[in-house]
Amino acid sequence: TRALMKSGANVLVVSHSERGWKETSDLVKNTGQKIEFLKKDITDQNAPKEIVAKAKETFGHIDILINNAGLQRRNKWQEFEDEDWQAVINLNLNALYFLSHAVAKTMAEQKSGKIINIASMQSYRAGKFIFPYTASKHGVVGLTKAYADALATENIQVNALAPGYINTPMTQALRDDKERNTEILNHIPADHWADPSELMGAIVFLS
């Protein structure tokens, strides 16, 4: 959000809670851009329709969609619960598909648009404790390729970012595990967990 607004975009932020809304608003006060918030669980069946309607009502059109919502559940394979699989796949893959499909229809009408999906390093690796997350992120890359192919003639470009180890609440447990944290750092050439701000340039470029 910060990256896009600094670059001149108006932004509709959609999230299931209001966590971070005030801080985000404060960060962009001096950009001169407009920001709106919509509290919505994007796994709801009507979410794509409502999000598209809100964006068009607020800004008149949709130029960029960034699918950034994500969820991870971790467990040994013997103890993995079915509901954990469903929750992760519903948010990371199903919601991304349905929202992308709805937004693509609008973008096709205006013959322009950018869709950016947040994949993961796990899109290309095994994850022996995070099965649904790994499967969903492999699926995100597959959907990105399929939509990039299908929507190219509509002048819509579809890409994905596949970040490695990023310092976010989702990775807190790994960073708190001293042994695992050391193993991870030994495989990161930069020798540190990335801050989300390090992805700002890539997001702007793809937008």
N, C-alpha and C. Protein backbone atom coordinates (compact mmCIF):
# COMPACT_ATOMS: atom_id res chain seq x y z
N THR A 1 0.83 -1.20 0.00
CA THR A 1 0.00 0.00 0.00
C THR A 1 0.86 1.25 0.00
N ARG A 2 1.87 1.27 0.86
CA ARG A 2 2.79 2.42 0.90
C ARG A 2 3.48 2.62 -0.44
N ALA A 3 3.97 1.52 -1.01
CA ALA A 3 4.70 1.60 -2.27
C ALA A 3 3.83 2.16 -3.39
N LEU A 4 2.61 1.66 -3.49
CA LEU A 4 1.73 2.09 -4.57
C LEU A 4 1.29 3.54 -4.40
N MET A 5 0.99 3.93 -3.16
CA MET A 5 0.55 5.30 -2.94
C MET A 5 1.67 6.30 -3.15
N LYS A 6 2.89 5.92 -2.78
CA LYS A 6 4.04 6.79 -3.04
C LYS A 6 4.25 6.98 -4.54
N SER A 7 3.79 5.99 -5.32
CA SER A 7 3.97 6.04 -6.77
C SER A 7 2.77 6.63 -7.50
N GLY A 8 1.77 7.09 -6.74
CA GLY A 8 0.66 7.81 -7.36
C GLY A 8 -0.66 7.08 -7.45
N ALA A 9 -0.76 5.91 -6.84
CA ALA A 9 -2.01 5.14 -6.92
C ALA A 9 -2.95 5.48 -5.78
N ASN A 10 -4.24 5.43 -6.06
CA ASN A 10 -5.27 5.42 -5.02
C ASN A 10 -5.54 3.95 -4.69
N VAL A 11 -5.79 3.65 -3.42
CA VAL A 11 -5.84 2.24 -3.01
C VAL A 11 -7.09 1.92 -2.19
N LEU A 12 -7.70 0.78 -2.51
CA LEU A 12 -8.74 0.19 -1.67
C LEU A 12 -8.12 -1.00 -0.96
N VAL A 13 -8.05 -0.92 0.36
CA VAL A 13 -7.50 -2.01 1.18
C VAL A 13 -8.67 -2.87 1.67
N VAL A 14 -8.60 -4.16 1.40
CA VAL A 14 -9.64 -5.09 1.86
C VAL A 14 -9.01 -6.04 2.87
N SER A 15 -9.58 -6.10 4.06
CA SER A 15 -9.06 -7.03 5.06
C SER A 15 -10.18 -7.48 5.99
N HIS A 16 -9.98 -8.64 6.63
CA HIS A 16 -11.04 -9.23 7.45
C HIS A 16 -11.16 -8.54 8.81
N SER A 17 -10.14 -7.73 9.18
CA SER A 17 -10.20 -6.97 10.42
C SER A 17 -9.67 -5.56 10.15
N GLU A 18 -9.75 -4.70 11.16
CA GLU A 18 -9.27 -3.33 10.99
C GLU A 18 -7.85 -3.15 11.52
N ARG A 19 -7.17 -4.28 11.76
CA ARG A 19 -5.79 -4.21 12.25
C ARG A 19 -4.89 -3.51 11.23
N GLY A 20 -4.19 -2.48 11.68
CA GLY A 20 -3.26 -1.77 10.81
C GLY A 20 -3.86 -0.64 10.00
N TRP A 21 -5.18 -0.46 10.07
CA TRP A 21 -5.81 0.58 9.26
C TRP A 21 -5.32 1.98 9.61
N LYS A 22 -5.30 2.28 10.92
CA LYS A 22 -4.89 3.63 11.33
C LYS A 22 -3.44 3.91 10.96
N GLU A 23 -2.57 2.92 11.24
CA GLU A 23 -1.15 3.10 10.92
C GLU A 23 -0.95 3.31 9.42
N THR A 24 -1.71 2.56 8.62
CA THR A 24 -1.59 2.69 7.17
C THR A 24 -2.08 4.06 6.71
N SER A 25 -3.18 4.52 7.29
CA SER A 25 -3.70 5.85 6.94
C SER A 25 -2.70 6.93 7.30
N ASP A 26 -2.09 6.80 8.47
CA ASP A 26 -1.11 7.79 8.92
C ASP A 26 0.10 7.83 7.99
N LEU A 27 0.51 6.68 7.50
CA LEU A 27 1.70 6.61 6.65
C LEU A 27 1.51 7.32 5.32
N VAL A 28 0.27 7.38 4.85
CA VAL A 28 0.03 7.90 3.50
C VAL A 28 -0.60 9.29 3.49
N LYS A 29 -0.68 9.92 4.65
CA LYS A 29 -1.32 11.24 4.71
C LYS A 29 -0.64 12.27 3.81
N ASN A 30 0.67 12.15 3.67
CA ASN A 30 1.41 13.16 2.92
C ASN A 30 1.60 12.82 1.44
N THR A 31 0.96 11.74 0.97
CA THR A 31 1.16 11.36 -0.43
C THR A 31 0.23 12.10 -1.37
N GLY A 32 -0.87 12.63 -0.84
CA GLY A 32 -1.85 13.29 -1.71
C GLY A 32 -2.77 12.32 -2.40
N GLN A 33 -2.61 11.03 -2.11
CA GLN A 33 -3.45 10.03 -2.74
C GLN A 33 -4.63 9.68 -1.82
N LYS A 34 -5.56 8.92 -2.38
CA LYS A 34 -6.76 8.55 -1.65
C LYS A 34 -6.69 7.08 -1.25
N ILE A 35 -7.10 6.81 0.00
CA ILE A 35 -7.14 5.43 0.47
C ILE A 35 -8.50 5.15 1.10
N GLU A 36 -9.04 3.99 0.78
CA GLU A 36 -10.31 3.55 1.35
C GLU A 36 -10.12 2.15 1.93
N PHE A 37 -10.94 1.81 2.92
CA PHE A 37 -10.85 0.50 3.56
C PHE A 37 -12.19 -0.22 3.48
N LEU A 38 -12.14 -1.52 3.28
CA LEU A 38 -13.33 -2.35 3.27
C LEU A 38 -13.08 -3.56 4.16
N LYS A 39 -13.91 -3.70 5.19
CA LYS A 39 -13.78 -4.84 6.10
C LYS A 39 -14.58 -6.00 5.52
N LYS A 40 -13.86 -7.03 5.07
CA LYS A 40 -14.53 -8.14 4.40
C LYS A 40 -13.67 -9.40 4.45
N ASP A 41 -14.31 -10.52 4.72
CA ASP A 41 -13.65 -11.82 4.60
C ASP A 41 -13.70 -12.21 3.13
N ILE A 42 -12.54 -12.24 2.48
CA ILE A 42 -12.55 -12.46 1.03
C ILE A 42 -12.89 -13.89 0.64
N THR A 43 -13.04 -14.78 1.63
CA THR A 43 -13.48 -16.14 1.30
C THR A 43 -15.01 -16.22 1.21
N ASP A 44 -15.70 -15.15 1.59
CA ASP A 44 -17.16 -15.12 1.45
C ASP A 44 -17.54 -15.21 -0.03
N GLN A 45 -18.62 -15.88 -0.32
CA GLN A 45 -19.03 -16.10 -1.70
C GLN A 45 -19.29 -14.78 -2.44
N ASN A 46 -19.83 -13.79 -1.74
CA ASN A 46 -20.17 -12.52 -2.39
C ASN A 46 -19.04 -11.50 -2.36
N ALA A 47 -17.91 -11.86 -1.76
CA ALA A 47 -16.81 -10.90 -1.59
C ALA A 47 -16.32 -10.30 -2.91
N PRO A 48 -16.04 -11.10 -3.94
CA PRO A 48 -15.53 -10.51 -5.19
C PRO A 48 -16.46 -9.45 -5.77
N LYS A 49 -17.75 -9.75 -5.79
CA LYS A 49 -18.74 -8.81 -6.33
C LYS A 49 -18.75 -7.51 -5.52
N GLU A 50 -18.70 -7.63 -4.19
CA GLU A 50 -18.73 -6.46 -3.32
C GLU A 50 -17.45 -5.64 -3.45
N ILE A 51 -16.31 -6.30 -3.57
CA ILE A 51 -15.03 -5.60 -3.68
C ILE A 51 -14.95 -4.83 -5.00
N VAL A 52 -15.35 -5.47 -6.07
CA VAL A 52 -15.35 -4.79 -7.38
C VAL A 52 -16.28 -3.59 -7.35
N ALA A 53 -17.48 -3.77 -6.78
CA ALA A 53 -18.45 -2.68 -6.71
C ALA A 53 -17.91 -1.51 -5.89
N LYS A 54 -17.29 -1.81 -4.76
CA LYS A 54 -16.74 -0.77 -3.89
C LYS A 54 -15.62 0.00 -4.59
N ALA A 55 -14.74 -0.71 -5.28
CA ALA A 55 -13.63 -0.07 -5.98
C ALA A 55 -14.13 0.83 -7.10
N LYS A 56 -15.09 0.34 -7.87
CA LYS A 56 -15.61 1.14 -8.98
C LYS A 56 -16.41 2.33 -8.49
N GLU A 57 -17.15 2.13 -7.40
CA GLU A 57 -17.92 3.23 -6.81
C GLU A 57 -16.98 4.32 -6.28
N THR A 58 -15.86 3.92 -5.70
CA THR A 58 -14.93 4.86 -5.08
C THR A 58 -14.03 5.54 -6.09
N PHE A 59 -13.48 4.75 -7.04
CA PHE A 59 -12.47 5.27 -7.95
C PHE A 59 -12.88 5.29 -9.42
N GLY A 60 -13.99 4.63 -9.74
CA GLY A 60 -14.47 4.64 -11.12
C GLY A 60 -13.95 3.50 -11.98
N HIS A 61 -12.80 2.93 -11.62
CA HIS A 61 -12.21 1.84 -12.41
C HIS A 61 -11.19 1.10 -11.54
N ILE A 62 -10.70 -0.02 -12.06
CA ILE A 62 -9.69 -0.82 -11.35
C ILE A 62 -8.52 -1.05 -12.30
N ASP A 63 -7.36 -0.53 -11.93
CA ASP A 63 -6.17 -0.69 -12.77
C ASP A 63 -5.27 -1.82 -12.29
N ILE A 64 -5.23 -2.04 -10.99
CA ILE A 64 -4.28 -2.99 -10.40
C ILE A 64 -5.00 -3.82 -9.33
N LEU A 65 -4.77 -5.12 -9.36
CA LEU A 65 -5.21 -6.00 -8.27
C LEU A 65 -3.99 -6.69 -7.70
N ILE A 66 -3.81 -6.58 -6.38
CA ILE A 66 -2.74 -7.33 -5.72
C ILE A 66 -3.37 -8.31 -4.75
N ASN A 67 -3.19 -9.59 -5.02
CA ASN A 67 -3.71 -10.65 -4.16
C ASN A 67 -2.66 -10.96 -3.10
N ASN A 68 -2.86 -10.40 -1.91
CA ASN A 68 -1.83 -10.43 -0.87
C ASN A 68 -2.25 -11.18 0.39
N ALA A 69 -3.51 -11.57 0.48
CA ALA A 69 -3.96 -12.27 1.69
C ALA A 69 -3.34 -13.66 1.76
N GLY A 70 -2.96 -14.08 2.96
CA GLY A 70 -2.36 -15.40 3.08
C GLY A 70 -2.52 -15.99 4.47
N LEU A 71 -2.52 -17.30 4.52
CA LEU A 71 -2.69 -18.01 5.78
C LEU A 71 -1.80 -19.25 5.76
N GLN A 72 -1.23 -19.58 6.92
CA GLN A 72 -0.42 -20.79 7.01
C GLN A 72 -0.81 -21.56 8.26
N ARG A 73 -0.90 -22.87 8.14
CA ARG A 73 -1.11 -23.76 9.27
C ARG A 73 0.01 -24.80 9.25
N ARG A 74 0.58 -25.07 10.41
CA ARG A 74 1.76 -25.92 10.50
C ARG A 74 1.49 -27.11 11.43
N ASN A 75 1.86 -28.31 10.99
CA ASN A 75 1.70 -29.48 11.84
C ASN A 75 2.42 -30.69 11.22
N LYS A 76 2.63 -31.73 12.02
CA LYS A 76 3.15 -32.98 11.48
C LYS A 76 2.06 -33.63 10.63
N TRP A 77 2.49 -34.38 9.60
CA TRP A 77 1.50 -34.93 8.67
C TRP A 77 0.48 -35.81 9.36
N GLN A 78 0.91 -36.57 10.41
CA GLN A 78 -0.02 -37.48 11.09
C GLN A 78 -1.12 -36.73 11.84
N GLU A 79 -0.85 -35.48 12.20
CA GLU A 79 -1.78 -34.73 13.04
C GLU A 79 -2.49 -33.60 12.30
N PHE A 80 -2.29 -33.54 11.00
CA PHE A 80 -2.91 -32.44 10.26
C PHE A 80 -4.42 -32.62 10.17
N GLU A 81 -5.14 -31.55 10.49
CA GLU A 81 -6.60 -31.59 10.50
C GLU A 81 -7.18 -31.18 9.15
N ASP A 82 -8.29 -31.80 8.78
CA ASP A 82 -8.93 -31.47 7.51
C ASP A 82 -9.34 -30.00 7.43
N GLU A 83 -9.80 -29.46 8.56
CA GLU A 83 -10.26 -28.06 8.53
C GLU A 83 -9.11 -27.09 8.28
N ASP A 84 -7.89 -27.48 8.68
CA ASP A 84 -6.73 -26.62 8.41
C ASP A 84 -6.43 -26.59 6.91
N TRP A 85 -6.55 -27.74 6.28
CA TRP A 85 -6.37 -27.80 4.82
C TRP A 85 -7.39 -26.89 4.14
N GLN A 86 -8.66 -27.03 4.53
CA GLN A 86 -9.72 -26.25 3.89
C GLN A 86 -9.51 -24.75 4.08
N ALA A 87 -9.14 -24.34 5.29
CA ALA A 87 -8.99 -22.91 5.58
C ALA A 87 -7.89 -22.28 4.74
N VAL A 88 -6.76 -22.97 4.63
CA VAL A 88 -5.63 -22.42 3.88
C VAL A 88 -5.92 -22.39 2.38
N ILE A 89 -6.47 -23.47 1.85
CA ILE A 89 -6.78 -23.51 0.42
C ILE A 89 -7.86 -22.49 0.07
N ASN A 90 -8.84 -22.33 0.94
CA ASN A 90 -9.92 -21.37 0.66
C ASN A 90 -9.40 -19.94 0.55
N LEU A 91 -8.48 -19.56 1.45
CA LEU A 91 -7.98 -18.19 1.43
C LEU A 91 -6.87 -18.01 0.38
N ASN A 92 -5.88 -18.87 0.41
CA ASN A 92 -4.69 -18.67 -0.43
C ASN A 92 -4.93 -18.93 -1.91
N LEU A 93 -5.87 -19.81 -2.22
CA LEU A 93 -6.06 -20.21 -3.63
C LEU A 93 -7.45 -19.90 -4.15
N ASN A 94 -8.49 -20.40 -3.46
CA ASN A 94 -9.85 -20.19 -3.96
C ASN A 94 -10.23 -18.71 -4.01
N ALA A 95 -9.97 -17.99 -2.93
CA ALA A 95 -10.33 -16.57 -2.89
C ALA A 95 -9.56 -15.79 -3.95
N LEU A 96 -8.30 -16.14 -4.15
CA LEU A 96 -7.48 -15.48 -5.17
C LEU A 96 -8.09 -15.72 -6.56
N TYR A 97 -8.51 -16.94 -6.82
CA TYR A 97 -9.11 -17.26 -8.12
C TYR A 97 -10.39 -16.45 -8.37
N PHE A 98 -11.31 -16.49 -7.41
CA PHE A 98 -12.60 -15.84 -7.62
C PHE A 98 -12.48 -14.32 -7.72
N LEU A 99 -11.59 -13.72 -6.92
CA LEU A 99 -11.41 -12.27 -6.99
C LEU A 99 -10.72 -11.89 -8.30
N SER A 100 -9.71 -12.64 -8.68
CA SER A 100 -9.02 -12.37 -9.95
C SER A 100 -9.99 -12.45 -11.12
N HIS A 101 -10.85 -13.47 -11.10
CA HIS A 101 -11.80 -13.67 -12.19
C HIS A 101 -12.76 -12.50 -12.30
N ALA A 102 -13.25 -12.04 -11.15
CA ALA A 102 -14.19 -10.91 -11.15
C ALA A 102 -13.52 -9.63 -11.62
N VAL A 103 -12.32 -9.37 -11.14
CA VAL A 103 -11.60 -8.15 -11.52
C VAL A 103 -11.18 -8.20 -12.99
N ALA A 104 -10.79 -9.37 -13.47
CA ALA A 104 -10.36 -9.51 -14.86
C ALA A 104 -11.48 -9.13 -15.83
N LYS A 105 -12.72 -9.43 -15.48
CA LYS A 105 -13.85 -9.07 -16.34
C LYS A 105 -13.95 -7.56 -16.49
N THR A 106 -13.73 -6.85 -15.37
CA THR A 106 -13.75 -5.39 -15.41
C THR A 106 -12.58 -4.84 -16.21
N MET A 107 -11.40 -5.41 -15.98
CA MET A 107 -10.21 -4.96 -16.71
C MET A 107 -10.33 -5.22 -18.21
N ALA A 108 -10.97 -6.33 -18.57
CA ALA A 108 -11.14 -6.67 -19.99
C ALA A 108 -12.01 -5.63 -20.70
N GLU A 109 -12.99 -5.09 -19.99
CA GLU A 109 -13.86 -4.06 -20.57
C GLU A 109 -13.08 -2.80 -20.91
N GLN A 110 -12.08 -2.47 -20.07
CA GLN A 110 -11.29 -1.26 -20.31
C GLN A 110 -10.01 -1.56 -21.09
N LYS A 111 -9.78 -2.83 -21.40
CA LYS A 111 -8.62 -3.26 -22.18
C LYS A 111 -7.29 -2.88 -21.54
N SER A 112 -7.22 -2.99 -20.22
CA SER A 112 -5.95 -2.74 -19.53
C SER A 112 -6.05 -3.21 -18.09
N GLY A 113 -4.91 -3.56 -17.52
CA GLY A 113 -4.90 -3.95 -16.10
C GLY A 113 -3.66 -4.75 -15.74
N LYS A 114 -3.40 -4.77 -14.44
CA LYS A 114 -2.29 -5.54 -13.89
C LYS A 114 -2.81 -6.36 -12.72
N ILE A 115 -2.51 -7.64 -12.72
CA ILE A 115 -2.83 -8.50 -11.59
C ILE A 115 -1.51 -9.06 -11.05
N ILE A 116 -1.29 -8.85 -9.76
CA ILE A 116 -0.06 -9.32 -9.13
C ILE A 116 -0.42 -10.25 -7.97
N ASN A 117 0.02 -11.48 -8.06
CA ASN A 117 -0.24 -12.46 -7.01
C ASN A 117 1.00 -12.62 -6.14
N ILE A 118 0.78 -12.75 -4.83
CA ILE A 118 1.89 -13.03 -3.94
C ILE A 118 2.00 -14.54 -3.77
N ALA A 119 2.97 -15.11 -4.45
CA ALA A 119 3.25 -16.54 -4.34
C ALA A 119 4.21 -16.72 -3.16
N SER A 120 5.18 -17.61 -3.30
CA SER A 120 6.09 -17.87 -2.19
C SER A 120 7.26 -18.71 -2.69
N MET A 121 8.33 -18.69 -1.96
CA MET A 121 9.42 -19.63 -2.21
C MET A 121 8.88 -21.06 -2.16
N GLN A 122 7.82 -21.26 -1.34
CA GLN A 122 7.21 -22.59 -1.23
C GLN A 122 6.45 -22.98 -2.50
N SER A 123 6.32 -22.06 -3.44
CA SER A 123 5.74 -22.42 -4.73
C SER A 123 6.66 -23.36 -5.50
N TYR A 124 7.92 -23.45 -5.06
CA TYR A 124 8.92 -24.23 -5.78
C TYR A 124 9.61 -25.27 -4.90
N ARG A 125 9.18 -25.34 -3.64
CA ARG A 125 9.84 -26.24 -2.69
C ARG A 125 8.83 -27.12 -1.98
N ALA A 126 9.33 -28.17 -1.33
CA ALA A 126 8.49 -28.98 -0.45
C ALA A 126 8.38 -28.26 0.89
N GLY A 127 7.33 -28.58 1.62
CA GLY A 127 7.16 -28.03 2.96
C GLY A 127 6.54 -29.11 3.83
N LYS A 128 7.37 -29.86 4.52
CA LYS A 128 6.88 -31.08 5.16
C LYS A 128 5.99 -30.84 6.37
N PHE A 129 5.85 -29.60 6.81
CA PHE A 129 4.95 -29.29 7.92
C PHE A 129 3.81 -28.34 7.49
N ILE A 130 3.83 -27.91 6.24
CA ILE A 130 2.86 -26.89 5.79
C ILE A 130 2.23 -27.30 4.46
N PHE A 131 1.64 -28.48 4.44
CA PHE A 131 1.12 -29.06 3.20
C PHE A 131 0.15 -28.17 2.44
N PRO A 132 -0.90 -27.67 3.10
CA PRO A 132 -1.85 -26.85 2.34
C PRO A 132 -1.23 -25.55 1.84
N TYR A 133 -0.34 -24.96 2.63
CA TYR A 133 0.32 -23.72 2.20
C TYR A 133 1.16 -23.99 0.95
N THR A 134 1.96 -25.07 0.98
CA THR A 134 2.79 -25.41 -0.17
C THR A 134 1.93 -25.69 -1.40
N ALA A 135 0.88 -26.46 -1.22
CA ALA A 135 -0.02 -26.78 -2.34
C ALA A 135 -0.68 -25.52 -2.90
N SER A 136 -1.13 -24.65 -1.99
CA SER A 136 -1.81 -23.43 -2.44
C SER A 136 -0.86 -22.52 -3.21
N LYS A 137 0.39 -22.40 -2.75
CA LYS A 137 1.34 -21.51 -3.41
C LYS A 137 1.84 -22.09 -4.74
N HIS A 138 1.91 -23.42 -4.85
CA HIS A 138 2.15 -24.02 -6.16
C HIS A 138 0.98 -23.65 -7.09
N GLY A 139 -0.23 -23.72 -6.54
CA GLY A 139 -1.42 -23.39 -7.33
C GLY A 139 -1.45 -21.93 -7.76
N VAL A 140 -0.98 -21.04 -6.91
CA VAL A 140 -0.94 -19.61 -7.26
C VAL A 140 -0.06 -19.38 -8.48
N VAL A 141 1.08 -20.04 -8.53
CA VAL A 141 1.95 -19.91 -9.69
C VAL A 141 1.28 -20.47 -10.94
N GLY A 142 0.58 -21.60 -10.79
CA GLY A 142 -0.14 -22.17 -11.92
C GLY A 142 -1.23 -21.25 -12.43
N LEU A 143 -2.01 -20.68 -11.52
CA LEU A 143 -3.05 -19.74 -11.92
C LEU A 143 -2.46 -18.49 -12.57
N THR A 144 -1.34 -18.02 -12.04
CA THR A 144 -0.69 -16.84 -12.61
C THR A 144 -0.32 -17.10 -14.07
N LYS A 145 0.26 -18.25 -14.34
CA LYS A 145 0.65 -18.59 -15.71
C LYS A 145 -0.58 -18.70 -16.62
N ALA A 146 -1.62 -19.37 -16.11
CA ALA A 146 -2.82 -19.57 -16.92
C ALA A 146 -3.50 -18.24 -17.26
N TYR A 147 -3.62 -17.37 -16.24
CA TYR A 147 -4.26 -16.07 -16.49
C TYR A 147 -3.38 -15.18 -17.35
N ALA A 148 -2.06 -15.23 -17.17
CA ALA A 148 -1.16 -14.43 -18.00
C ALA A 148 -1.35 -14.79 -19.47
N ASP A 149 -1.50 -16.07 -19.73
CA ASP A 149 -1.71 -16.55 -21.10
C ASP A 149 -3.08 -16.13 -21.62
N ALA A 150 -4.10 -16.33 -20.79
CA ALA A 150 -5.48 -16.08 -21.23
C ALA A 150 -5.79 -14.59 -21.41
N LEU A 151 -5.19 -13.75 -20.58
CA LEU A 151 -5.57 -12.33 -20.57
C LEU A 151 -4.64 -11.42 -21.36
N ALA A 152 -3.59 -11.98 -21.93
CA ALA A 152 -2.63 -11.16 -22.67
C ALA A 152 -3.29 -10.40 -23.82
N THR A 153 -4.22 -11.03 -24.51
CA THR A 153 -4.88 -10.36 -25.64
C THR A 153 -5.81 -9.24 -25.19
N GLU A 154 -6.13 -9.18 -23.89
CA GLU A 154 -6.96 -8.11 -23.34
C GLU A 154 -6.09 -6.96 -22.79
N ASN A 155 -4.78 -7.03 -23.03
CA ASN A 155 -3.83 -6.05 -22.51
C ASN A 155 -3.82 -6.04 -20.98
N ILE A 156 -3.93 -7.22 -20.40
CA ILE A 156 -3.84 -7.39 -18.94
C ILE A 156 -2.62 -8.26 -18.65
N GLN A 157 -1.71 -7.74 -17.85
CA GLN A 157 -0.52 -8.50 -17.50
C GLN A 157 -0.68 -9.11 -16.10
N VAL A 158 -0.36 -10.38 -15.99
CA VAL A 158 -0.51 -11.11 -14.73
C VAL A 158 0.84 -11.68 -14.32
N ASN A 159 1.30 -11.31 -13.13
CA ASN A 159 2.59 -11.76 -12.64
C ASN A 159 2.47 -12.18 -11.18
N ALA A 160 3.53 -12.78 -10.67
CA ALA A 160 3.57 -13.17 -9.25
C ALA A 160 4.93 -12.84 -8.66
N LEU A 161 4.92 -12.47 -7.40
CA LEU A 161 6.14 -12.36 -6.61
C LEU A 161 6.22 -13.60 -5.72
N ALA A 162 7.41 -14.18 -5.63
CA ALA A 162 7.58 -15.36 -4.78
C ALA A 162 8.64 -15.05 -3.72
N PRO A 163 8.26 -14.38 -2.65
CA PRO A 163 9.23 -13.99 -1.62
C PRO A 163 9.81 -15.19 -0.88
N GLY A 164 10.99 -14.99 -0.34
CA GLY A 164 11.61 -15.99 0.52
C GLY A 164 11.20 -15.75 1.96
N TYR A 165 12.17 -15.73 2.85
CA TYR A 165 11.88 -15.58 4.27
C TYR A 165 11.71 -14.11 4.63
N ILE A 166 10.48 -13.73 4.99
CA ILE A 166 10.14 -12.33 5.27
C ILE A 166 9.73 -12.19 6.73
N ASN A 167 10.12 -11.10 7.34
CA ASN A 167 9.80 -10.82 8.74
C ASN A 167 8.36 -10.33 8.85
N THR A 168 7.45 -11.26 9.07
CA THR A 168 6.03 -10.94 9.24
C THR A 168 5.49 -11.79 10.39
N PRO A 169 4.28 -11.49 10.88
CA PRO A 169 3.68 -12.32 11.94
C PRO A 169 3.59 -13.80 11.55
N MET A 170 3.42 -14.09 10.26
CA MET A 170 3.29 -15.48 9.83
C MET A 170 4.56 -16.29 10.10
N THR A 171 5.71 -15.62 10.10
CA THR A 171 6.98 -16.34 10.28
C THR A 171 7.55 -16.20 11.69
N GLN A 172 6.76 -15.66 12.60
CA GLN A 172 7.24 -15.42 13.96
C GLN A 172 7.70 -16.71 14.64
N ALA A 173 6.94 -17.78 14.47
CA ALA A 173 7.28 -19.05 15.12
C ALA A 173 8.63 -19.57 14.67
N LEU A 174 8.93 -19.41 13.37
CA LEU A 174 10.22 -19.86 12.85
C LEU A 174 11.36 -19.03 13.41
N ARG A 175 11.15 -17.72 13.52
CA ARG A 175 12.20 -16.85 14.03
C ARG A 175 12.43 -17.08 15.52
N ASP A 176 11.38 -17.52 16.22
CA ASP A 176 11.51 -17.79 17.66
C ASP A 176 12.19 -19.13 17.95
N ASP A 177 12.21 -20.00 16.94
CA ASP A 177 12.88 -21.31 17.08
C ASP A 177 14.37 -21.11 16.78
N LYS A 178 15.17 -21.09 17.83
CA LYS A 178 16.59 -20.73 17.70
C LYS A 178 17.31 -21.61 16.68
N GLU A 179 17.11 -22.93 16.79
CA GLU A 179 17.80 -23.86 15.89
C GLU A 179 17.38 -23.66 14.44
N ARG A 180 16.05 -23.59 14.23
CA ARG A 180 15.53 -23.43 12.87
C ARG A 180 15.92 -22.07 12.30
N ASN A 181 15.89 -21.04 13.12
CA ASN A 181 16.25 -19.70 12.66
C ASN A 181 17.71 -19.67 12.18
N THR A 182 18.58 -20.35 12.91
CA THR A 182 20.00 -20.41 12.52
C THR A 182 20.15 -21.14 11.19
N GLU A 183 19.42 -22.25 11.02
CA GLU A 183 19.47 -23.01 9.76
C GLU A 183 19.03 -22.13 8.59
N ILE A 184 17.96 -21.39 8.80
CA ILE A 184 17.42 -20.54 7.74
C ILE A 184 18.40 -19.44 7.37
N LEU A 185 18.93 -18.77 8.38
CA LEU A 185 19.87 -17.67 8.12
C LEU A 185 21.10 -18.16 7.37
N ASN A 186 21.51 -19.40 7.62
CA ASN A 186 22.67 -19.96 6.92
C ASN A 186 22.42 -20.17 5.43
N HIS A 187 21.14 -20.15 5.03
CA HIS A 187 20.79 -20.33 3.62
C HIS A 187 20.36 -19.03 2.95
N ILE A 188 20.43 -17.92 3.67
CA ILE A 188 20.06 -16.63 3.09
C ILE A 188 21.35 -15.84 2.82
N PRO A 189 21.69 -15.62 1.55
CA PRO A 189 22.93 -14.92 1.23
C PRO A 189 23.05 -13.55 1.91
N ALA A 190 21.93 -12.85 2.05
CA ALA A 190 21.96 -11.51 2.67
C ALA A 190 22.08 -11.59 4.20
N ASP A 191 21.93 -12.80 4.75
CA ASP A 191 22.12 -13.04 6.18
C ASP A 191 21.11 -12.33 7.07
N HIS A 192 19.91 -12.09 6.55
CA HIS A 192 18.86 -11.53 7.40
C HIS A 192 17.49 -11.85 6.79
N TRP A 193 16.49 -11.92 7.66
CA TRP A 193 15.11 -12.04 7.20
C TRP A 193 14.75 -10.72 6.54
N ALA A 194 14.11 -10.78 5.38
CA ALA A 194 13.79 -9.55 4.66
C ALA A 194 12.67 -8.79 5.35
N ASP A 195 12.74 -7.48 5.29
CA ASP A 195 11.63 -6.64 5.72
C ASP A 195 10.67 -6.50 4.54
N PRO A 196 9.35 -6.47 4.79
CA PRO A 196 8.40 -6.34 3.69
C PRO A 196 8.69 -5.15 2.77
N SER A 197 9.28 -4.09 3.33
CA SER A 197 9.57 -2.90 2.52
C SER A 197 10.56 -3.19 1.39
N GLU A 198 11.31 -4.29 1.52
CA GLU A 198 12.27 -4.63 0.48
C GLU A 198 11.59 -5.13 -0.80
N LEU A 199 10.28 -5.38 -0.73
CA LEU A 199 9.53 -5.81 -1.92
C LEU A 199 8.84 -4.63 -2.62
N MET A 200 8.95 -3.44 -2.06
CA MET A 200 8.22 -2.27 -2.60
C MET A 200 8.57 -2.00 -4.06
N GLY A 201 9.86 -2.04 -4.37
CA GLY A 201 10.28 -1.74 -5.75
C GLY A 201 9.73 -2.73 -6.76
N ALA A 202 9.74 -4.01 -6.39
CA ALA A 202 9.24 -5.04 -7.29
C ALA A 202 7.74 -4.89 -7.54
N ILE A 203 7.00 -4.55 -6.50
CA ILE A 203 5.55 -4.35 -6.64
C ILE A 203 5.26 -3.19 -7.58
N VAL A 204 5.98 -2.08 -7.41
CA VAL A 204 5.77 -0.91 -8.26
C VAL A 204 6.13 -1.24 -9.70
N PHE A 205 7.25 -1.95 -9.90
CA PHE A 205 7.67 -2.31 -11.26
C PHE A 205 6.60 -3.13 -11.96
N LEU A 206 6.06 -4.15 -11.28
CA LEU A 206 5.05 -5.02 -11.89
C LEU A 206 3.72 -4.30 -12.08
N SER A 207 3.51 -3.23 -11.33
CA SER A 207 2.25 -2.47 -11.44
C SER A 207 2.26 -1.51 -12.61
